[in-house]
N, C-alpha and C. Protein backbone atom coordinates (compact mmCIF):
# COMPACT_ATOMS: atom_id res chain seq x y z
N MET A 1 7.69 6.37 7.60
CA MET A 1 7.51 4.94 7.68
C MET A 1 8.81 4.20 7.42
N CYS A 2 9.74 4.81 6.74
CA CYS A 2 11.01 4.13 6.43
C CYS A 2 11.80 3.81 7.70
N LYS A 3 11.65 4.64 8.73
CA LYS A 3 12.39 4.41 9.97
C LYS A 3 11.96 3.13 10.67
N THR A 4 10.72 2.73 10.50
CA THR A 4 10.22 1.54 11.18
C THR A 4 10.11 0.32 10.26
N CYS A 5 10.62 0.42 9.04
CA CYS A 5 10.54 -0.70 8.10
C CYS A 5 11.43 -1.85 8.56
N PRO A 6 10.89 -3.07 8.64
CA PRO A 6 11.67 -4.21 9.12
C PRO A 6 12.58 -4.84 8.06
N VAL A 7 12.45 -4.47 6.79
CA VAL A 7 13.18 -5.15 5.72
C VAL A 7 14.70 -5.04 5.86
N PRO A 8 15.31 -3.89 6.15
CA PRO A 8 16.77 -3.86 6.28
C PRO A 8 17.31 -4.80 7.35
N ASP A 9 16.64 -4.89 8.48
CA ASP A 9 17.07 -5.81 9.54
C ASP A 9 16.91 -7.26 9.11
N ILE A 10 15.84 -7.55 8.39
CA ILE A 10 15.63 -8.92 7.91
C ILE A 10 16.73 -9.31 6.93
N LEU A 11 17.09 -8.41 6.03
CA LEU A 11 18.13 -8.71 5.05
C LEU A 11 19.50 -8.89 5.70
N LEU A 12 19.74 -8.23 6.82
CA LEU A 12 20.99 -8.46 7.55
C LEU A 12 21.00 -9.85 8.18
N ASP A 13 19.85 -10.33 8.62
CA ASP A 13 19.75 -11.64 9.26
C ASP A 13 19.68 -12.77 8.25
N ASN A 14 18.99 -12.55 7.14
CA ASN A 14 18.72 -13.63 6.19
C ASN A 14 18.64 -13.05 4.78
N ALA A 15 19.63 -13.35 3.97
CA ALA A 15 19.67 -12.82 2.60
C ALA A 15 19.38 -13.93 1.59
N CYS A 16 18.46 -14.82 1.91
CA CYS A 16 18.13 -15.93 1.01
C CYS A 16 17.59 -15.39 -0.31
N GLN A 17 18.11 -15.91 -1.40
CA GLN A 17 17.70 -15.42 -2.72
C GLN A 17 16.29 -15.87 -3.10
N HIS A 18 15.74 -16.85 -2.40
CA HIS A 18 14.41 -17.36 -2.72
C HIS A 18 13.29 -16.65 -1.95
N MET A 19 13.65 -15.83 -0.98
CA MET A 19 12.65 -15.17 -0.15
C MET A 19 12.13 -13.90 -0.82
N VAL A 20 10.81 -13.78 -0.82
CA VAL A 20 10.14 -12.62 -1.40
C VAL A 20 9.30 -12.00 -0.29
N PHE A 21 9.30 -10.68 -0.22
CA PHE A 21 8.52 -9.98 0.80
C PHE A 21 7.21 -9.50 0.22
N GLU A 22 6.16 -9.64 1.01
CA GLU A 22 4.84 -9.13 0.65
C GLU A 22 4.49 -8.05 1.67
N PRO A 23 4.65 -6.78 1.29
CA PRO A 23 4.44 -5.70 2.25
C PRO A 23 2.96 -5.38 2.45
N SER A 24 2.68 -4.80 3.60
CA SER A 24 1.34 -4.27 3.89
C SER A 24 1.50 -3.09 4.84
N LEU A 25 0.50 -2.27 4.87
CA LEU A 25 0.49 -1.09 5.73
C LEU A 25 -0.75 -1.10 6.62
N PRO A 26 -0.75 -1.99 7.61
CA PRO A 26 -1.93 -2.03 8.49
C PRO A 26 -1.99 -0.83 9.42
N ARG A 27 -3.19 -0.51 9.82
CA ARG A 27 -3.43 0.56 10.78
C ARG A 27 -4.10 -0.09 11.98
N PRO A 28 -3.38 -0.23 13.11
CA PRO A 28 -3.94 -0.95 14.26
C PRO A 28 -5.26 -0.36 14.76
N PHE A 29 -5.35 0.93 14.76
CA PHE A 29 -6.57 1.63 15.15
C PHE A 29 -6.76 2.80 14.18
N PRO A 30 -7.98 3.21 13.92
CA PRO A 30 -8.21 4.28 12.95
C PRO A 30 -7.47 5.58 13.25
N PHE A 31 -7.18 5.84 14.50
CA PHE A 31 -6.55 7.12 14.86
C PHE A 31 -5.02 7.03 14.91
N LEU A 32 -4.43 5.84 14.70
CA LEU A 32 -2.97 5.69 14.71
C LEU A 32 -2.42 5.67 13.29
N LYS A 33 -1.13 5.95 13.17
CA LYS A 33 -0.47 5.91 11.86
C LYS A 33 -0.34 4.48 11.36
N GLN A 34 -0.22 4.36 10.06
CA GLN A 34 0.00 3.05 9.47
C GLN A 34 1.39 2.54 9.87
N GLN A 35 1.52 1.22 9.94
CA GLN A 35 2.80 0.61 10.27
C GLN A 35 3.21 -0.32 9.13
N VAL A 36 4.50 -0.38 8.87
CA VAL A 36 5.01 -1.25 7.82
C VAL A 36 5.08 -2.68 8.37
N SER A 37 4.53 -3.61 7.62
CA SER A 37 4.55 -5.01 7.99
C SER A 37 4.89 -5.82 6.75
N VAL A 38 5.66 -6.89 6.90
CA VAL A 38 5.98 -7.75 5.76
C VAL A 38 5.72 -9.21 6.12
N GLN A 39 5.26 -9.93 5.14
CA GLN A 39 5.12 -11.38 5.21
C GLN A 39 6.17 -11.94 4.26
N ALA A 40 6.77 -13.05 4.62
CA ALA A 40 7.77 -13.68 3.78
C ALA A 40 7.16 -14.84 3.01
N TYR A 41 7.64 -15.03 1.79
CA TYR A 41 7.22 -16.12 0.93
C TYR A 41 8.47 -16.71 0.30
N CYS A 42 8.58 -18.04 0.27
CA CYS A 42 9.73 -18.70 -0.33
C CYS A 42 9.35 -19.20 -1.72
N ASN A 43 10.05 -18.73 -2.75
CA ASN A 43 9.79 -19.17 -4.12
C ASN A 43 10.18 -20.62 -4.34
N LYS A 44 11.14 -21.11 -3.61
CA LYS A 44 11.63 -22.48 -3.80
C LYS A 44 10.66 -23.52 -3.21
N THR A 45 10.19 -23.28 -1.99
CA THR A 45 9.34 -24.26 -1.31
C THR A 45 7.86 -23.87 -1.30
N GLN A 46 7.55 -22.66 -1.74
CA GLN A 46 6.20 -22.13 -1.74
C GLN A 46 5.57 -22.07 -0.35
N LEU A 47 6.40 -21.82 0.66
CA LEU A 47 5.92 -21.71 2.04
C LEU A 47 5.67 -20.25 2.39
N ARG A 48 4.70 -20.02 3.25
CA ARG A 48 4.39 -18.70 3.78
C ARG A 48 4.31 -18.80 5.30
N GLY A 49 4.32 -17.64 5.94
CA GLY A 49 4.05 -17.60 7.37
C GLY A 49 5.21 -17.96 8.27
N PHE A 50 6.41 -18.00 7.76
CA PHE A 50 7.58 -18.28 8.60
C PHE A 50 8.23 -16.97 9.03
N ASP A 51 9.09 -17.05 10.02
CA ASP A 51 9.80 -15.87 10.49
C ASP A 51 10.86 -15.49 9.46
N PRO A 52 10.75 -14.33 8.83
CA PRO A 52 11.71 -13.97 7.78
C PRO A 52 13.13 -13.78 8.30
N HIS A 53 13.30 -13.53 9.59
CA HIS A 53 14.65 -13.40 10.14
C HIS A 53 15.36 -14.75 10.13
N ILE A 54 14.62 -15.84 10.19
CA ILE A 54 15.19 -17.18 10.25
C ILE A 54 15.13 -17.87 8.89
N GLY A 55 14.03 -17.73 8.18
CA GLY A 55 13.85 -18.39 6.90
C GLY A 55 12.88 -19.55 7.01
N CYS A 56 12.65 -20.22 5.89
CA CYS A 56 11.67 -21.30 5.87
C CYS A 56 12.23 -22.60 6.44
N GLY A 57 13.55 -22.72 6.52
CA GLY A 57 14.16 -23.91 7.08
C GLY A 57 14.53 -24.95 6.04
N GLN A 58 14.17 -24.75 4.79
CA GLN A 58 14.47 -25.71 3.74
C GLN A 58 15.68 -25.29 2.91
N CYS A 59 15.78 -24.03 2.58
CA CYS A 59 16.88 -23.55 1.74
C CYS A 59 18.22 -23.59 2.49
N HIS A 60 18.19 -23.16 3.71
CA HIS A 60 19.39 -23.10 4.55
C HIS A 60 19.04 -23.67 5.91
N PRO A 61 19.14 -24.99 6.07
CA PRO A 61 18.74 -25.59 7.35
C PRO A 61 19.59 -25.08 8.50
N LEU A 62 18.96 -24.97 9.66
CA LEU A 62 19.66 -24.52 10.86
C LEU A 62 20.60 -25.61 11.36
N PRO A 63 21.73 -25.22 11.93
CA PRO A 63 22.60 -26.21 12.58
C PRO A 63 21.86 -26.85 13.74
N PRO A 64 22.24 -28.08 14.12
CA PRO A 64 21.53 -28.78 15.19
C PRO A 64 21.46 -28.02 16.50
N GLU A 65 22.51 -27.26 16.84
CA GLU A 65 22.49 -26.54 18.12
C GLU A 65 21.45 -25.42 18.15
N PHE A 66 21.03 -24.93 16.97
CA PHE A 66 19.99 -23.91 16.92
C PHE A 66 18.62 -24.49 16.69
N ALA A 67 18.55 -25.65 16.07
CA ALA A 67 17.26 -26.27 15.75
C ALA A 67 16.68 -27.03 16.93
N GLY A 68 17.47 -27.23 17.97
CA GLY A 68 16.96 -27.95 19.14
C GLY A 68 17.17 -29.44 19.06
N ASP A 69 17.78 -29.91 17.98
CA ASP A 69 18.07 -31.34 17.83
C ASP A 69 19.32 -31.67 18.63
N LYS A 70 19.30 -32.82 19.24
CA LYS A 70 20.47 -33.25 19.99
C LYS A 70 21.29 -34.21 19.14
N PRO A 71 22.61 -34.03 19.09
CA PRO A 71 23.43 -34.91 18.23
C PRO A 71 23.47 -36.33 18.74
């Protein structure tokens, strides 16, 4: 399961000190192996359900060119 763990890639993309991972091992079907899955939680803003590769958007706001805002 370590080979498919998403945490190392997430930490390369986003090393926010406020982000906490909540791991789970879902099994898509009873006959398949379990898969590693993580949900991100922000201790600073108490937000859940955001893309951990990007972050919650409050601790480290995206530059306008990435956020879709026009200057």
